[in-house]
Amino acid sequence: MKTTLKSRLLAGTALVSLLAVSACGQDSDAAAEPAATEPATVTVEHTQGTTEVPVNPETVYTFDLGALDTLDALGIEVDGVPSANFPESLSKYGSDDYAKIGSMKEPDFEAISAGAPDLIIMSGRTADSYEELSKIAPTINLSNDAADPWNSFISTTEIIGEIFGKEAEVDEKLAALETKVEETKATAADAGNGLIIMTSGGEMTAYGAGSRFGLIHDVLGVPTAADITSEGKHGESVSFEYVAETNPDHLFVIDRDVAVGNAGEVASAVLDNELVMGTKAAKNDNITMLDSSSWYLVGYGLNNVDAMVSAVQDGIS
């Protein structure tokens, strides 16, 4: 049967209409489905560079126990931690519920890679592994700067708040801490000087302003009993005679053996001799035994700084 020109035109018009309707339907479907977007990131400037970090990363590994303490204070879930002698406040992280990603100094790269973290937070103890860890996941080093400990602590805490959308909570907690610090500084102004001692293997090292334990002098304002010139993390080796000659009003003591789980003579036994017991600190019952794990291993975290400030405040009150 022949088709007429009119019938062919009508058929063509119908086909065009059908295609138009189909196209409209597709356009409508496309409009109904929002275009896929890249996950949000935040640019983090840290001790070892600049890193693009995903906002609210799902799987988080941290070697830095100060950062772990801050994350814990903010109610942020952590998935992997190093094997460590955790203080009581962080003891839950020693359980098998949390992946163990190496020691405090040596990452287990195989375990970390298998866990596929979205963010790795380093500490100064693992700084040499930055390049290798960065190949696995976005990696940031949030180590505290001993030369400017308070501002460094504020900065790293605010970074964590920004990554996890906890800015308001961070601001509130930091404001409360700043008030507590100012109160402690006011007390320290009339409390006399202090000397920080760490014992290890029966030996003693002293720490002063600008050291890893400089919170006592640099932030809380306790005057130094002596000019400790040694640089780095290990302090200046001192004798019992040195402590006696320095004769501090306050003695703040950290037991490294307890912090790292080594068997050895405890700090109280090391210091139990006539030279130390003859100091003003001992005579006036002003020897403060600090929580060794908190001070030696954890350091600057939101909850831990609060506890450290309280310990110094109690010691000088």
C-alpha atoms as a PDB file:
ATOM      1  CA  MET A   1       0.000   0.000   0.000  1.00  0.00           C
ATOM      2  CA  LYS A   2       1.346   3.420  -0.958  1.00  0.00           C
ATOM      3  CA  THR A   3       1.776   6.103   1.643  1.00  0.00           C
ATOM      4  CA  THR A   4       0.732   9.607   0.861  1.00  0.00           C
ATOM      5  CA  LEU A   5       2.838  12.701   1.530  1.00  0.00           C
ATOM      6  CA  LYS A   6       0.316  13.760   4.145  1.00  0.00           C
ATOM      7  CA  SER A   7       0.540  10.453   5.994  1.00  0.00           C
ATOM      8  CA  ARG A   8       4.333  10.581   5.920  1.00  0.00           C
ATOM      9  CA  LEU A   9       4.281  14.131   7.341  1.00  0.00           C
ATOM     10  CA  LEU A  10       1.883  13.127  10.093  1.00  0.00           C
ATOM     11  CA  ALA A  11       4.034  10.152  10.968  1.00  0.00           C
ATOM     12  CA  GLY A  12       7.137  12.347  11.093  1.00  0.00           C
ATOM     13  CA  THR A  13       5.387  14.877  13.283  1.00  0.00           C
ATOM     14  CA  ALA A  14       4.322  12.126  15.678  1.00  0.00           C
ATOM     15  CA  LEU A  15       7.875  10.790  15.848  1.00  0.00           C
ATOM     16  CA  VAL A  16       9.266  14.253  16.590  1.00  0.00           C
ATOM     17  CA  SER A  17       6.673  14.735  19.325  1.00  0.00           C
ATOM     18  CA  LEU A  18       7.514  11.357  20.845  1.00  0.00           C
ATOM     19  CA  LEU A  19      11.226  12.175  20.876  1.00  0.00           C
ATOM     20  CA  ALA A  20      10.525  15.572  22.408  1.00  0.00           C
ATOM     21  CA  VAL A  21       8.427  14.033  25.178  1.00  0.00           C
ATOM     22  CA  SER A  22      11.140  11.447  25.806  1.00  0.00           C
ATOM     23  CA  ALA A  23      13.797  14.139  25.949  1.00  0.00           C
ATOM     24  CA  CYS A  24      11.707  16.216  28.342  1.00  0.00           C
ATOM     25  CA  GLY A  25      11.307  13.181  30.550  1.00  0.00           C
ATOM     26  CA  GLN A  26      15.042  12.644  30.571  1.00  0.00           C
ATOM     27  CA  ASP A  27      15.666  16.318  31.335  1.00  0.00           C
ATOM     28  CA  SER A  28      13.157  16.094  34.163  1.00  0.00           C
ATOM     29  CA  ASP A  29      14.867  13.012  35.584  1.00  0.00           C
ATOM     30  CA  ALA A  30      18.261  14.713  35.301  1.00  0.00           C
ATOM     31  CA  ALA A  31      16.946  17.771  37.082  1.00  0.00           C
ATOM     32  CA  ALA A  32      15.466  15.571  39.821  1.00  0.00           C
ATOM     33  CA  GLU A  33      18.841  13.917  40.455  1.00  0.00           C
ATOM     34  CA  PRO A  34      21.444  16.415  41.769  1.00  0.00           C
ATOM     35  CA  ALA A  35      24.862  16.219  40.158  1.00  0.00           C
ATOM     36  CA  ALA A  36      27.437  14.274  42.148  1.00  0.00           C
ATOM     37  CA  THR A  37      29.796  16.513  44.114  1.00  0.00           C
ATOM     38  CA  GLU A  38      33.285  15.908  45.413  1.00  0.00           C
ATOM     39  CA  PRO A  39      33.550  15.314  49.193  1.00  0.00           C
ATOM     40  CA  ALA A  40      34.297  18.499  51.138  1.00  0.00           C
ATOM     41  CA  THR A  41      37.872  18.979  52.300  1.00  0.00           C
ATOM     42  CA  VAL A  42      39.737  21.385  54.523  1.00  0.00           C
ATOM     43  CA  THR A  43      43.297  22.578  53.946  1.00  0.00           C
ATOM     44  CA  VAL A  44      45.451  21.885  57.016  1.00  0.00           C
ATOM     45  CA  GLU A  45      48.807  23.560  57.538  1.00  0.00           C
ATOM     46  CA  HIS A  46      50.846  21.507  59.975  1.00  0.00           C
ATOM     47  CA  THR A  47      54.387  20.841  61.149  1.00  0.00           C
ATOM     48  CA  GLN A  48      55.396  18.908  58.036  1.00  0.00           C
ATOM     49  CA  GLY A  49      53.485  20.636  55.261  1.00  0.00           C
ATOM     50  CA  THR A  50      50.018  21.332  53.909  1.00  0.00           C
ATOM     51  CA  THR A  51      47.440  18.565  53.462  1.00  0.00           C
ATOM     52  CA  GLU A  52      43.923  18.385  52.045  1.00  0.00           C
ATOM     53  CA  VAL A  53      41.885  16.521  54.634  1.00  0.00           C
ATOM     54  CA  PRO A  54      38.313  15.261  54.167  1.00  0.00           C
ATOM     55  CA  VAL A  55      35.718  16.884  56.405  1.00  0.00           C
ATOM     56  CA  ASN A  56      34.385  14.385  58.972  1.00  0.00           C
ATOM     57  CA  PRO A  57      36.675  11.536  57.902  1.00  0.00           C
ATOM     58  CA  GLU A  58      35.110   8.177  58.619  1.00  0.00           C
ATOM     59  CA  THR A  59      38.140   6.095  59.631  1.00  0.00           C
ATOM     60  CA  VAL A  60      40.679   7.918  61.797  1.00  0.00           C
ATOM     61  CA  TYR A  61      44.071   6.646  62.991  1.00  0.00           C
ATOM     62  CA  THR A  62      46.208   8.661  65.416  1.00  0.00           C
ATOM     63  CA  PHE A  63      49.709   8.178  66.821  1.00  0.00           C
ATOM     64  CA  ASP A  64      49.461  11.447  68.738  1.00  0.00           C
ATOM     65  CA  LEU A  65      47.961  10.781  72.173  1.00  0.00           C
ATOM     66  CA  GLY A  66      47.385  14.494  72.718  1.00  0.00           C
ATOM     67  CA  ALA A  67      45.234  14.544  69.597  1.00  0.00           C
ATOM     68  CA  LEU A  68      43.563  11.320  70.791  1.00  0.00           C
ATOM     69  CA  ASP A  69      42.737  13.020  74.076  1.00  0.00           C
ATOM     70  CA  THR A  70      41.205  15.974  72.210  1.00  0.00           C
ATOM     71  CA  LEU A  71      39.209  13.706  69.897  1.00  0.00           C
ATOM     72  CA  ASP A  72      37.960  11.794  72.938  1.00  0.00           C
ATOM     73  CA  ALA A  73      36.982  15.036  74.683  1.00  0.00           C
ATOM     74  CA  LEU A  74      34.947  16.032  71.627  1.00  0.00           C
ATOM     75  CA  GLY A  75      33.217  12.654  71.329  1.00  0.00           C
ATOM     76  CA  ILE A  76      34.863  11.852  67.979  1.00  0.00           C
ATOM     77  CA  GLU A  77      35.284   8.163  67.181  1.00  0.00           C
ATOM     78  CA  VAL A  78      38.849   6.925  66.611  1.00  0.00           C
ATOM     79  CA  ASP A  79      39.543   3.617  64.904  1.00  0.00           C
ATOM     80  CA  GLY A  80      43.279   3.007  65.252  1.00  0.00           C
ATOM     81  CA  VAL A  81      45.876   3.846  67.922  1.00  0.00           C
ATOM     82  CA  PRO A  82      49.426   2.742  68.750  1.00  0.00           C
ATOM     83  CA  SER A  83      50.197   0.154  71.367  1.00  0.00           C
ATOM     84  CA  ALA A  84      50.965   2.275  74.429  1.00  0.00           C
ATOM     85  CA  ASN A  85      50.832   2.483  78.195  1.00  0.00           C
ATOM     86  CA  PHE A  86      47.657   4.568  78.207  1.00  0.00           C
ATOM     87  CA  PRO A  87      46.778   6.656  81.267  1.00  0.00           C
ATOM     88  CA  GLU A  88      43.549   5.829  83.080  1.00  0.00           C
ATOM     89  CA  SER A  89      41.688   8.575  81.214  1.00  0.00           C
ATOM     90  CA  LEU A  90      42.404   6.865  77.873  1.00  0.00           C
ATOM     91  CA  SER A  91      42.585   3.253  79.068  1.00  0.00           C
ATOM     92  CA  LYS A  92      39.735   2.087  76.815  1.00  0.00           C
ATOM     93  CA  TYR A  93      41.987   2.555  73.772  1.00  0.00           C
ATOM     94  CA  GLY A  94      44.190  -0.278  74.981  1.00  0.00           C
ATOM     95  CA  SER A  95      41.436  -2.788  74.223  1.00  0.00           C
ATOM     96  CA  ASP A  96      41.058  -4.874  71.077  1.00  0.00           C
ATOM     97  CA  ASP A  97      38.123  -2.673  70.049  1.00  0.00           C
ATOM     98  CA  TYR A  98      40.692  -0.353  68.490  1.00  0.00           C
ATOM     99  CA  ALA A  99      43.096  -1.382  65.738  1.00  0.00           C
ATOM    100  CA  LYS A 100      46.734  -1.283  66.832  1.00  0.00           C
ATOM    101  CA  ILE A 101      48.773   0.534  64.196  1.00  0.00           C
ATOM    102  CA  GLY A 102      52.297   0.089  65.556  1.00  0.00           C
ATOM    103  CA  SER A 103      54.195   1.453  68.529  1.00  0.00           C
ATOM    104  CA  MET A 104      54.532   5.056  69.648  1.00  0.00           C
ATOM    105  CA  LYS A 105      57.613   5.382  67.422  1.00  0.00           C
ATOM    106  CA  GLU A 106      57.261   2.696  64.734  1.00  0.00           C
ATOM    107  CA  PRO A 107      54.150   2.588  62.499  1.00  0.00           C
ATOM    108  CA  ASP A 108      52.921  -0.788  61.260  1.00  0.00           C
ATOM    109  CA  PHE A 109      52.534   0.212  57.618  1.00  0.00           C
ATOM    110  CA  GLU A 110      50.940  -3.080  56.589  1.00  0.00           C
ATOM    111  CA  ALA A 111      48.239  -2.857  59.279  1.00  0.00           C
ATOM    112  CA  ILE A 112      47.601   0.801  58.501  1.00  0.00           C
ATOM    113  CA  SER A 113      47.269   0.175  54.773  1.00  0.00           C
ATOM    114  CA  ALA A 114      44.913  -2.753  55.362  1.00  0.00           C
ATOM    115  CA  GLY A 115      42.676  -0.563  57.516  1.00  0.00           C
ATOM    116  CA  ALA A 116      42.265   2.042  54.746  1.00  0.00           C
ATOM    117  CA  PRO A 117      42.055   5.103  57.027  1.00  0.00           C
ATOM    118  CA  ASP A 118      40.656   8.396  55.755  1.00  0.00           C
ATOM    119  CA  LEU A 119      42.961  10.404  58.059  1.00  0.00           C
ATOM    120  CA  ILE A 120      46.225   9.692  59.872  1.00  0.00           C
ATOM    121  CA  ILE A 121      47.364  11.992  62.680  1.00  0.00           C
ATOM    122  CA  MET A 122      51.074  11.742  63.458  1.00  0.00           C
ATOM    123  CA  SER A 123      53.134  12.720  66.473  1.00  0.00           C
ATOM    124  CA  GLY A 124      56.680  13.998  66.681  1.00  0.00           C
ATOM    125  CA  ARG A 125      57.810  10.449  67.512  1.00  0.00           C
ATOM    126  CA  THR A 126      56.699   9.246  64.054  1.00  0.00           C
ATOM    127  CA  ALA A 127      57.779  12.338  62.075  1.00  0.00           C
ATOM    128  CA  ASP A 128      60.292  10.381  59.976  1.00  0.00           C
ATOM    129  CA  SER A 129      57.444   8.261  58.559  1.00  0.00           C
ATOM    130  CA  TYR A 130      55.471  11.201  57.160  1.00  0.00           C
ATOM    131  CA  GLU A 131      56.174  10.539  53.466  1.00  0.00           C
ATOM    132  CA  GLU A 132      55.330   6.850  53.661  1.00  0.00           C
ATOM    133  CA  LEU A 133      52.179   7.404  55.701  1.00  0.00           C
ATOM    134  CA  SER A 134      51.056  10.116  53.276  1.00  0.00           C
ATOM    135  CA  LYS A 135      51.054   7.521  50.503  1.00  0.00           C
ATOM    136  CA  ILE A 136      48.391   5.584  52.421  1.00  0.00           C
ATOM    137  CA  ALA A 137      46.030   8.420  53.450  1.00  0.00           C
ATOM    138  CA  PRO A 138      45.956  12.168  54.136  1.00  0.00           C
ATOM    139  CA  THR A 139      48.433  12.596  56.991  1.00  0.00           C
ATOM    140  CA  ILE A 140      48.942  15.542  59.350  1.00  0.00           C
ATOM    141  CA  ASN A 141      51.471  16.162  62.112  1.00  0.00           C
ATOM    142  CA  LEU A 142      49.832  17.977  65.031  1.00  0.00           C
ATOM    143  CA  SER A 143      52.853  17.929  67.350  1.00  0.00           C
ATOM    144  CA  ASN A 144      52.922  20.663  69.934  1.00  0.00           C
ATOM    145  CA  ASP A 145      55.573  23.371  69.569  1.00  0.00           C
ATOM    146  CA  ALA A 146      57.524  23.538  72.850  1.00  0.00           C
ATOM    147  CA  ALA A 147      58.716  27.052  71.962  1.00  0.00           C
ATOM    148  CA  ASP A 148      55.120  28.346  71.978  1.00  0.00           C
ATOM    149  CA  PRO A 149      53.112  25.588  73.678  1.00  0.00           C
ATOM    150  CA  TRP A 150      49.872  27.375  74.471  1.00  0.00           C
ATOM    151  CA  ASN A 151      49.288  28.963  71.067  1.00  0.00           C
ATOM    152  CA  SER A 152      50.379  25.744  69.389  1.00  0.00           C
ATOM    153  CA  PHE A 153      47.861  23.786  71.475  1.00  0.00           C
ATOM    154  CA  ILE A 154      45.087  26.240  70.586  1.00  0.00           C
ATOM    155  CA  SER A 155      45.957  26.008  66.886  1.00  0.00           C
ATOM    156  CA  THR A 156      46.016  22.196  66.713  1.00  0.00           C
ATOM    157  CA  THR A 157      42.793  21.958  68.721  1.00  0.00           C
ATOM    158  CA  GLU A 158      41.060  24.388  66.373  1.00  0.00           C
ATOM    159  CA  ILE A 159      42.285  22.340  63.395  1.00  0.00           C
ATOM    160  CA  ILE A 160      40.635  19.232  64.850  1.00  0.00           C
ATOM    161  CA  GLY A 161      37.476  21.236  65.481  1.00  0.00           C
ATOM    162  CA  GLU A 162      37.411  22.435  61.876  1.00  0.00           C
ATOM    163  CA  ILE A 163      37.973  18.958  60.421  1.00  0.00           C
ATOM    164  CA  PHE A 164      35.126  17.448  62.437  1.00  0.00           C
ATOM    165  CA  GLY A 165      32.706  20.373  62.544  1.00  0.00           C
ATOM    166  CA  LYS A 166      33.204  20.928  66.270  1.00  0.00           C
ATOM    167  CA  GLU A 167      34.274  24.571  66.170  1.00  0.00           C
ATOM    168  CA  ALA A 168      31.709  25.827  68.690  1.00  0.00           C
ATOM    169  CA  GLU A 169      32.494  23.094  71.201  1.00  0.00           C
ATOM    170  CA  VAL A 170      36.229  23.700  70.829  1.00  0.00           C
ATOM    171  CA  ASP A 171      35.788  27.434  71.422  1.00  0.00           C
ATOM    172  CA  GLU A 172      33.781  26.757  74.573  1.00  0.00           C
ATOM    173  CA  LYS A 173      36.306  24.298  76.013  1.00  0.00           C
ATOM    174  CA  LEU A 174      39.302  26.493  75.187  1.00  0.00           C
ATOM    175  CA  ALA A 175      37.644  29.504  76.808  1.00  0.00           C
ATOM    176  CA  ALA A 176      37.110  27.527  80.014  1.00  0.00           C
ATOM    177  CA  LEU A 177      40.735  26.372  79.963  1.00  0.00           C
ATOM    178  CA  GLU A 178      42.021  29.893  79.431  1.00  0.00           C
ATOM    179  CA  THR A 179      40.094  31.033  82.499  1.00  0.00           C
ATOM    180  CA  LYS A 180      41.632  28.204  84.531  1.00  0.00           C
ATOM    181  CA  VAL A 181      45.115  29.063  83.274  1.00  0.00           C
ATOM    182  CA  GLU A 182      44.706  32.704  84.303  1.00  0.00           C
ATOM    183  CA  GLU A 183      43.561  31.653  87.775  1.00  0.00           C
ATOM    184  CA  THR A 184      46.604  29.395  88.135  1.00  0.00           C
ATOM    185  CA  LYS A 185      48.967  32.140  86.958  1.00  0.00           C
ATOM    186  CA  ALA A 186      47.542  34.439  89.613  1.00  0.00           C
ATOM    187  CA  THR A 187      48.294  31.812  92.268  1.00  0.00           C
ATOM    188  CA  ALA A 188      51.775  31.154  90.834  1.00  0.00           C
ATOM    189  CA  ALA A 189      52.745  34.815  91.170  1.00  0.00           C
ATOM    190  CA  ASP A 190      53.128  34.401  94.942  1.00  0.00           C
ATOM    191  CA  ALA A 191      53.865  30.686  95.227  1.00  0.00           C
ATOM    192  CA  GLY A 192      57.656  30.684  94.813  1.00  0.00           C
ATOM    193  CA  ASN A 193      59.835  29.028  92.177  1.00  0.00           C
ATOM    194  CA  GLY A 194      59.794  25.487  90.843  1.00  0.00           C
ATOM    195  CA  LEU A 195      62.046  22.792  89.421  1.00  0.00           C
ATOM    196  CA  ILE A 196      60.849  20.005  87.085  1.00  0.00           C
ATOM    197  CA  ILE A 197      62.611  16.652  87.503  1.00  0.00           C
ATOM    198  CA  MET A 198      62.154  13.430  85.554  1.00  0.00           C
ATOM    199  CA  THR A 199      63.519  10.149  86.896  1.00  0.00           C
ATOM    200  CA  SER A 200      64.473   7.187  84.714  1.00  0.00           C
ATOM    201  CA  GLY A 201      66.539   4.154  85.627  1.00  0.00           C
ATOM    202  CA  GLY A 202      67.512   5.750  88.925  1.00  0.00           C
ATOM    203  CA  GLU A 203      68.905   8.846  87.181  1.00  0.00           C
ATOM    204  CA  MET A 204      67.484  12.380  87.052  1.00  0.00           C
ATOM    205  CA  THR A 205      67.071  15.008  84.344  1.00  0.00           C
ATOM    206  CA  ALA A 206      65.824  18.560  84.836  1.00  0.00           C
ATOM    207  CA  TYR A 207      63.572  20.568  82.525  1.00  0.00           C
ATOM    208  CA  GLY A 208      62.991  24.309  82.378  1.00  0.00           C
ATOM    209  CA  ALA A 209      61.217  26.959  80.351  1.00  0.00           C
ATOM    210  CA  GLY A 210      60.824  26.103  76.665  1.00  0.00           C
ATOM    211  CA  SER A 211      61.034  22.371  77.337  1.00  0.00           C
ATOM    212  CA  ARG A 212      58.506  19.617  76.676  1.00  0.00           C
ATOM    213  CA  PHE A 213      57.154  20.181  80.198  1.00  0.00           C
ATOM    214  CA  GLY A 214      57.369  23.959  79.952  1.00  0.00           C
ATOM    215  CA  LEU A 215      53.633  24.311  80.561  1.00  0.00           C
ATOM    216  CA  ILE A 216      54.532  24.808  84.226  1.00  0.00           C
ATOM    217  CA  HIS A 217      56.784  27.809  83.553  1.00  0.00           C
ATOM    218  CA  ASP A 218      55.799  29.139  80.115  1.00  0.00           C
ATOM    219  CA  VAL A 219      52.022  28.924  80.429  1.00  0.00           C
ATOM    220  CA  LEU A 220      51.220  28.766  84.140  1.00  0.00           C
ATOM    221  CA  GLY A 221      53.861  31.253  85.231  1.00  0.00           C
ATOM    222  CA  VAL A 222      55.699  29.282  87.914  1.00  0.00           C
ATOM    223  CA  PRO A 223      59.153  30.981  88.097  1.00  0.00           C
ATOM    224  CA  THR A 224      62.117  28.744  87.275  1.00  0.00           C
ATOM    225  CA  ALA A 225      64.342  27.765  90.185  1.00  0.00           C
ATOM    226  CA  ALA A 226      67.327  27.393  87.859  1.00  0.00           C
ATOM    227  CA  ASP A 227      68.367  28.143  84.310  1.00  0.00           C
ATOM    228  CA  ILE A 228      68.064  24.786  82.547  1.00  0.00           C
ATOM    229  CA  THR A 229      69.949  25.250  79.283  1.00  0.00           C
ATOM    230  CA  SER A 230      69.695  21.783  77.719  1.00  0.00           C
ATOM    231  CA  GLU A 231      67.778  21.692  74.450  1.00  0.00           C
ATOM    232  CA  GLY A 232      65.686  18.887  73.019  1.00  0.00           C
ATOM    233  CA  LYS A 233      63.411  16.335  74.641  1.00  0.00           C
ATOM    234  CA  HIS A 234      65.739  14.748  77.143  1.00  0.00           C
ATOM    235  CA  GLY A 235      66.449  17.544  79.572  1.00  0.00           C
ATOM    236  CA  GLU A 236      69.670  18.214  81.457  1.00  0.00           C
ATOM    237  CA  SER A 237      71.242  15.458  83.502  1.00  0.00           C
ATOM    238  CA  VAL A 238      71.476  16.569  87.149  1.00  0.00           C
ATOM    239  CA  SER A 239      72.621  15.212  90.501  1.00  0.00           C
ATOM    240  CA  PHE A 240      71.130  15.207  93.973  1.00  0.00           C
ATOM    241  CA  GLU A 241      73.681  17.896  94.864  1.00  0.00           C
ATOM    242  CA  TYR A 242      72.307  20.049  92.065  1.00  0.00           C
ATOM    243  CA  VAL A 243      68.772  19.754  93.444  1.00  0.00           C
ATOM    244  CA  ALA A 244      70.022  20.623  96.918  1.00  0.00           C
ATOM    245  CA  GLU A 245      71.952  23.657  95.670  1.00  0.00           C
ATOM    246  CA  THR A 246      68.995  24.848  93.584  1.00  0.00           C
ATOM    247  CA  ASN A 247      66.781  24.441  96.659  1.00  0.00           C
ATOM    248  CA  PRO A 248      63.438  24.982  94.867  1.00  0.00           C
ATOM    249  CA  ASP A 249      60.250  26.060  96.608  1.00  0.00           C
ATOM    250  CA  HIS A 250      58.376  23.463  94.561  1.00  0.00           C
ATOM    251  CA  LEU A 251      59.550  20.232  92.984  1.00  0.00           C
ATOM    252  CA  PHE A 252      57.494  18.718  90.155  1.00  0.00           C
ATOM    253  CA  VAL A 253      58.361  15.071  89.460  1.00  0.00           C
ATOM    254  CA  ILE A 254      57.689  12.813  86.458  1.00  0.00           C
ATOM    255  CA  ASP A 255      58.567   9.101  86.533  1.00  0.00           C
ATOM    256  CA  ARG A 256      59.469   8.006  83.003  1.00  0.00           C
ATOM    257  CA  ASP A 257      59.745   4.335  83.968  1.00  0.00           C
ATOM    258  CA  VAL A 258      56.124   4.350  85.109  1.00  0.00           C
ATOM    259  CA  ALA A 259      55.051   6.166  81.934  1.00  0.00           C
ATOM    260  CA  VAL A 260      56.587   3.632  79.549  1.00  0.00           C
ATOM    261  CA  GLY A 261      55.969   0.564  81.703  1.00  0.00           C
ATOM    262  CA  ASN A 262      59.596  -0.156  82.617  1.00  0.00           C
ATOM    263  CA  ALA A 263      60.445  -1.902  85.839  1.00  0.00           C
ATOM    264  CA  GLY A 264      62.710   0.229  87.951  1.00  0.00           C
ATOM    265  CA  GLU A 265      63.132   2.257  91.093  1.00  0.00           C
ATOM    266  CA  VAL A 266      60.111   4.525  91.446  1.00  0.00           C
ATOM    267  CA  ALA A 267      60.640   8.276  91.585  1.00  0.00           C
ATOM    268  CA  SER A 268      59.697   8.593  95.259  1.00  0.00           C
ATOM    269  CA  ALA A 269      62.446   6.111  96.158  1.00  0.00           C
ATOM    270  CA  VAL A 270      65.004   7.830  93.890  1.00  0.00           C
ATOM    271  CA  LEU A 271      64.394  11.168  95.622  1.00  0.00           C
ATOM    272  CA  ASP A 272      64.325   9.743  99.147  1.00  0.00           C
ATOM    273  CA  ASN A 273      67.720  10.982 100.326  1.00  0.00           C
ATOM    274  CA  GLU A 274      69.056  13.675 102.631  1.00  0.00           C
ATOM    275  CA  LEU A 275      70.006  16.085  99.855  1.00  0.00           C
ATOM    276  CA  VAL A 276      66.551  16.213  98.262  1.00  0.00           C
ATOM    277  CA  MET A 277      64.723  15.946 101.557  1.00  0.00           C
ATOM    278  CA  GLY A 278      66.632  18.991 102.793  1.00  0.00           C
ATOM    279  CA  THR A 279      65.158  21.311 100.148  1.00  0.00           C
ATOM    280  CA  LYS A 280      62.443  23.849 100.851  1.00  0.00           C
ATOM    281  CA  ALA A 281      60.136  21.854  98.568  1.00  0.00           C
ATOM    282  CA  ALA A 282      60.484  18.723 100.692  1.00  0.00           C
ATOM    283  CA  LYS A 283      60.384  20.504 104.057  1.00  0.00           C
ATOM    284  CA  ASN A 284      57.180  22.333 103.110  1.00  0.00           C
ATOM    285  CA  ASP A 285      55.559  19.256 101.546  1.00  0.00           C
ATOM    286  CA  ASN A 286      55.705  20.840  98.101  1.00  0.00           C
ATOM    287  CA  ILE A 287      56.884  17.849  96.064  1.00  0.00           C
ATOM    288  CA  THR A 288      54.216  17.180  93.447  1.00  0.00           C
ATOM    289  CA  MET A 289      54.273  13.723  91.825  1.00  0.00           C
ATOM    290  CA  LEU A 290      52.740  14.326  88.416  1.00  0.00           C
ATOM    291  CA  ASP A 291      50.785  11.686  86.467  1.00  0.00           C
ATOM    292  CA  SER A 292      53.680  10.351  84.415  1.00  0.00           C
ATOM    293  CA  SER A 293      51.722   8.911  81.480  1.00  0.00           C
ATOM    294  CA  SER A 294      49.682  12.094  81.121  1.00  0.00           C
ATOM    295  CA  TRP A 295      52.733  14.351  81.117  1.00  0.00           C
ATOM    296  CA  TYR A 296      55.246  12.149  79.292  1.00  0.00           C
ATOM    297  CA  LEU A 297      53.040  10.387  76.726  1.00  0.00           C
ATOM    298  CA  VAL A 298      49.864  12.436  76.217  1.00  0.00           C
ATOM    299  CA  GLY A 299      50.711  16.096  76.732  1.00  0.00           C
ATOM    300  CA  TYR A 300      48.570  18.701  75.027  1.00  0.00           C
ATOM    301  CA  GLY A 301      44.997  17.417  74.660  1.00  0.00           C
ATOM    302  CA  LEU A 302      41.760  19.103  75.718  1.00  0.00           C
ATOM    303  CA  ASN A 303      41.039  16.888  78.713  1.00  0.00           C
ATOM    304  CA  ASN A 304      44.674  16.278  79.586  1.00  0.00           C
ATOM    305  CA  VAL A 305      45.679  19.944  79.685  1.00  0.00           C
ATOM    306  CA  ASP A 306      42.806  20.565  82.062  1.00  0.00           C
ATOM    307  CA  ALA A 307      44.122  17.776  84.300  1.00  0.00           C
ATOM    308  CA  MET A 308      47.725  19.041  84.063  1.00  0.00           C
ATOM    309  CA  VAL A 309      46.718  22.578  84.998  1.00  0.00           C
ATOM    310  CA  SER A 310      44.744  21.206  87.954  1.00  0.00           C
ATOM    311  CA  ALA A 311      47.800  19.216  89.120  1.00  0.00           C
ATOM    312  CA  VAL A 312      50.013  22.311  89.096  1.00  0.00           C
ATOM    313  CA  GLN A 313      47.288  24.430  90.673  1.00  0.00           C
ATOM    314  CA  ASP A 314      46.946  21.909  93.518  1.00  0.00           C
ATOM    315  CA  GLY A 315      50.729  21.762  93.894  1.00  0.00           C
ATOM    316  CA  ILE A 316      51.220  25.478  94.370  1.00  0.00           C
ATOM    317  CA  SER A 317      48.066  26.269  96.357  1.00  0.00           C
END
